[in-house]
């Protein structure tokens, strides 16, 4: 994201560590986590069984979250 021509700022995706519905712990490198455009975060089980790819908070689409290597 570019704020203006003299300042550049890059915003990283917030990697929430638990499902907002069932509170299951989620790792940054976990491949089956779903998010919406507001970064609401859900595990695959909640999405598959209850949410069906629709965010209950904003009504937007739930898609697979990109992974990030853990800092070790």
N, C-alpha and C. Protein backbone atom coordinates (compact mmCIF):
# COMPACT_ATOMS: atom_id res chain seq x y z
N UNK A 1 0.85 -1.17 0.00
CA UNK A 1 0.00 0.00 0.00
C UNK A 1 0.90 1.23 0.00
N UNK A 2 0.66 2.15 -0.88
CA UNK A 2 1.44 3.38 -0.94
C UNK A 2 0.59 4.52 -0.38
N UNK A 3 1.08 5.18 0.66
CA UNK A 3 0.36 6.28 1.30
C UNK A 3 0.46 7.55 0.46
N UNK A 4 1.66 7.93 0.08
CA UNK A 4 1.88 9.04 -0.84
C UNK A 4 3.21 8.79 -1.54
N UNK A 5 3.61 9.70 -2.40
CA UNK A 5 4.81 9.47 -3.20
C UNK A 5 6.10 9.45 -2.38
N UNK A 6 6.12 10.03 -1.20
CA UNK A 6 7.36 10.07 -0.41
C UNK A 6 7.42 9.01 0.69
N UNK A 7 6.29 8.41 1.04
CA UNK A 7 6.26 7.41 2.10
C UNK A 7 5.59 6.15 1.58
N UNK A 8 6.27 5.02 1.73
CA UNK A 8 5.68 3.72 1.38
C UNK A 8 5.50 2.92 2.66
N UNK A 9 4.35 2.27 2.79
CA UNK A 9 4.09 1.44 3.95
C UNK A 9 3.48 0.13 3.48
N UNK A 10 4.00 -0.97 3.95
CA UNK A 10 3.48 -2.27 3.59
C UNK A 10 2.77 -2.86 4.80
N UNK A 11 1.54 -3.28 4.59
CA UNK A 11 0.74 -3.83 5.67
C UNK A 11 0.69 -5.35 5.51
N UNK A 12 1.08 -6.05 6.57
CA UNK A 12 1.05 -7.51 6.54
C UNK A 12 -0.29 -8.02 7.04
N UNK A 13 -0.67 -9.16 6.54
CA UNK A 13 -1.88 -9.83 6.97
C UNK A 13 -1.75 -10.24 8.43
N UNK A 14 -2.76 -9.96 9.23
CA UNK A 14 -2.77 -10.37 10.63
C UNK A 14 -3.06 -11.87 10.68
N UNK A 15 -2.17 -12.63 11.27
CA UNK A 15 -2.32 -14.08 11.35
C UNK A 15 -2.90 -14.43 12.72
N UNK A 16 -4.22 -14.41 12.83
CA UNK A 16 -4.87 -14.70 14.11
C UNK A 16 -4.61 -16.15 14.50
N UNK A 17 -4.46 -16.38 15.79
CA UNK A 17 -4.02 -17.67 16.29
C UNK A 17 -5.13 -18.60 16.75
N UNK A 18 -6.41 -18.18 16.60
CA UNK A 18 -7.49 -19.09 16.96
C UNK A 18 -8.74 -18.81 16.14
N UNK A 19 -9.54 -19.85 15.98
CA UNK A 19 -10.81 -19.75 15.26
C UNK A 19 -11.75 -18.86 16.07
N UNK A 20 -12.42 -17.92 15.41
CA UNK A 20 -13.34 -17.02 16.09
C UNK A 20 -14.63 -17.70 16.52
N UNK A 21 -14.89 -18.89 16.01
CA UNK A 21 -16.12 -19.60 16.34
C UNK A 21 -15.91 -20.63 17.45
N UNK A 22 -14.91 -21.51 17.31
CA UNK A 22 -14.72 -22.61 18.27
C UNK A 22 -13.46 -22.45 19.12
N UNK A 23 -12.65 -21.43 18.85
CA UNK A 23 -11.42 -21.12 19.57
C UNK A 23 -10.31 -22.15 19.40
N UNK A 24 -10.39 -22.98 18.35
CA UNK A 24 -9.31 -23.92 18.04
C UNK A 24 -8.05 -23.12 17.74
N UNK A 25 -6.90 -23.60 18.23
CA UNK A 25 -5.62 -22.94 17.98
C UNK A 25 -5.21 -23.13 16.52
N UNK A 26 -4.71 -22.07 15.89
CA UNK A 26 -4.34 -22.08 14.47
C UNK A 26 -2.90 -21.59 14.33
N UNK A 27 -2.08 -22.35 13.62
CA UNK A 27 -0.68 -21.97 13.40
C UNK A 27 -0.55 -21.14 12.13
N UNK A 28 0.47 -20.29 12.08
CA UNK A 28 0.71 -19.45 10.90
C UNK A 28 0.90 -20.29 9.64
N UNK A 29 1.54 -21.45 9.77
CA UNK A 29 1.81 -22.30 8.62
C UNK A 29 0.68 -23.28 8.30
N UNK A 30 -0.40 -23.25 9.07
CA UNK A 30 -1.54 -24.15 8.85
C UNK A 30 -2.23 -23.81 7.54
N UNK A 31 -2.48 -24.81 6.70
CA UNK A 31 -2.98 -24.59 5.35
C UNK A 31 -4.50 -24.56 5.23
N UNK A 32 -5.24 -24.91 6.26
CA UNK A 32 -6.69 -25.05 6.13
C UNK A 32 -7.46 -24.02 6.96
N UNK A 33 -6.96 -22.80 7.04
CA UNK A 33 -7.60 -21.73 7.79
C UNK A 33 -8.30 -20.80 6.80
N UNK A 34 -9.52 -20.36 7.14
CA UNK A 34 -10.30 -19.50 6.25
C UNK A 34 -10.40 -18.09 6.83
N UNK A 35 -10.33 -17.08 5.95
CA UNK A 35 -10.47 -15.69 6.36
C UNK A 35 -11.39 -14.95 5.38
N UNK A 36 -11.93 -13.81 5.84
CA UNK A 36 -12.67 -12.91 4.96
C UNK A 36 -11.80 -11.68 4.70
N UNK A 37 -12.31 -10.72 3.97
CA UNK A 37 -11.52 -9.52 3.64
C UNK A 37 -11.23 -8.65 4.86
N UNK A 38 -11.96 -8.85 5.96
CA UNK A 38 -11.70 -8.12 7.21
C UNK A 38 -10.82 -8.94 8.16
N UNK A 39 -10.32 -10.07 7.68
CA UNK A 39 -9.43 -10.97 8.42
C UNK A 39 -10.12 -11.69 9.57
N UNK A 40 -11.46 -11.81 9.52
CA UNK A 40 -12.14 -12.71 10.44
C UNK A 40 -11.59 -14.10 10.12
N UNK A 41 -11.32 -14.91 11.14
CA UNK A 41 -10.56 -16.14 10.96
C UNK A 41 -11.32 -17.33 11.52
N UNK A 42 -11.41 -18.41 10.71
CA UNK A 42 -12.16 -19.60 11.11
C UNK A 42 -11.42 -20.86 10.67
N UNK A 43 -11.56 -21.93 11.47
CA UNK A 43 -10.98 -23.22 11.09
C UNK A 43 -11.83 -23.85 9.98
N UNK A 44 -11.26 -24.81 9.30
CA UNK A 44 -11.97 -25.48 8.20
C UNK A 44 -13.22 -26.20 8.69
N UNK A 45 -13.16 -26.80 9.88
CA UNK A 45 -14.32 -27.52 10.39
C UNK A 45 -15.52 -26.59 10.56
N UNK A 46 -15.31 -25.43 11.15
CA UNK A 46 -16.42 -24.48 11.32
C UNK A 46 -16.92 -23.98 9.97
N UNK A 47 -16.00 -23.70 9.05
CA UNK A 47 -16.41 -23.23 7.73
C UNK A 47 -17.21 -24.31 7.00
N UNK A 48 -16.70 -25.53 6.98
CA UNK A 48 -17.35 -26.62 6.25
C UNK A 48 -18.69 -26.99 6.86
N UNK A 49 -18.75 -27.11 8.19
CA UNK A 49 -19.95 -27.61 8.85
C UNK A 49 -21.02 -26.55 9.07
N UNK A 50 -20.63 -25.29 9.27
CA UNK A 50 -21.60 -24.27 9.66
C UNK A 50 -21.64 -23.03 8.77
N UNK A 51 -20.49 -22.54 8.34
CA UNK A 51 -20.43 -21.23 7.70
C UNK A 51 -20.58 -21.28 6.19
N UNK A 52 -20.16 -22.37 5.56
CA UNK A 52 -20.31 -22.58 4.11
C UNK A 52 -19.76 -21.42 3.27
N UNK A 53 -18.53 -21.00 3.62
CA UNK A 53 -17.78 -19.97 2.88
C UNK A 53 -18.36 -18.56 2.99
N UNK A 54 -19.21 -18.30 3.99
CA UNK A 54 -19.77 -16.97 4.22
C UNK A 54 -19.40 -16.52 5.63
N UNK A 55 -18.77 -15.36 5.76
CA UNK A 55 -18.39 -14.85 7.07
C UNK A 55 -19.64 -14.44 7.85
N UNK A 56 -19.81 -14.94 9.08
CA UNK A 56 -20.99 -14.58 9.87
C UNK A 56 -20.94 -13.14 10.38
N UNK A 57 -19.77 -12.52 10.36
CA UNK A 57 -19.63 -11.15 10.86
C UNK A 57 -19.94 -10.09 9.81
N UNK A 58 -19.42 -10.28 8.59
CA UNK A 58 -19.59 -9.24 7.56
C UNK A 58 -20.40 -9.71 6.35
N UNK A 59 -20.64 -11.02 6.24
CA UNK A 59 -21.38 -11.55 5.09
C UNK A 59 -20.52 -11.76 3.86
N UNK A 60 -19.22 -11.48 3.97
CA UNK A 60 -18.30 -11.65 2.83
C UNK A 60 -17.87 -13.09 2.65
N UNK A 61 -17.13 -13.32 1.58
CA UNK A 61 -16.63 -14.66 1.26
C UNK A 61 -15.53 -15.07 2.23
N UNK A 62 -15.52 -16.35 2.60
CA UNK A 62 -14.40 -16.94 3.32
C UNK A 62 -13.55 -17.69 2.32
N UNK A 63 -12.24 -17.42 2.34
CA UNK A 63 -11.28 -18.07 1.44
C UNK A 63 -10.13 -18.61 2.28
N UNK A 64 -9.33 -19.49 1.68
CA UNK A 64 -8.18 -20.02 2.40
C UNK A 64 -7.17 -18.92 2.68
N UNK A 65 -6.68 -18.88 3.91
CA UNK A 65 -5.68 -17.90 4.31
C UNK A 65 -4.31 -18.35 3.79
N UNK A 66 -3.50 -17.42 3.28
CA UNK A 66 -2.14 -17.80 2.90
C UNK A 66 -1.36 -18.21 4.15
N UNK A 67 -0.34 -19.01 3.96
CA UNK A 67 0.48 -19.45 5.09
C UNK A 67 1.69 -18.53 5.24
N UNK A 68 2.28 -18.60 6.41
CA UNK A 68 3.50 -17.84 6.69
C UNK A 68 4.42 -18.76 7.49
N UNK A 69 5.69 -18.79 7.12
CA UNK A 69 6.65 -19.60 7.86
C UNK A 69 6.78 -19.06 9.27
N UNK A 70 6.80 -19.96 10.25
CA UNK A 70 6.95 -19.53 11.63
C UNK A 70 8.37 -19.02 11.87
N UNK A 71 8.50 -18.09 12.80
CA UNK A 71 9.81 -17.52 13.14
C UNK A 71 10.47 -18.43 14.16
N UNK A 72 11.54 -19.08 13.76
CA UNK A 72 12.25 -19.97 14.68
C UNK A 72 13.70 -19.62 14.75
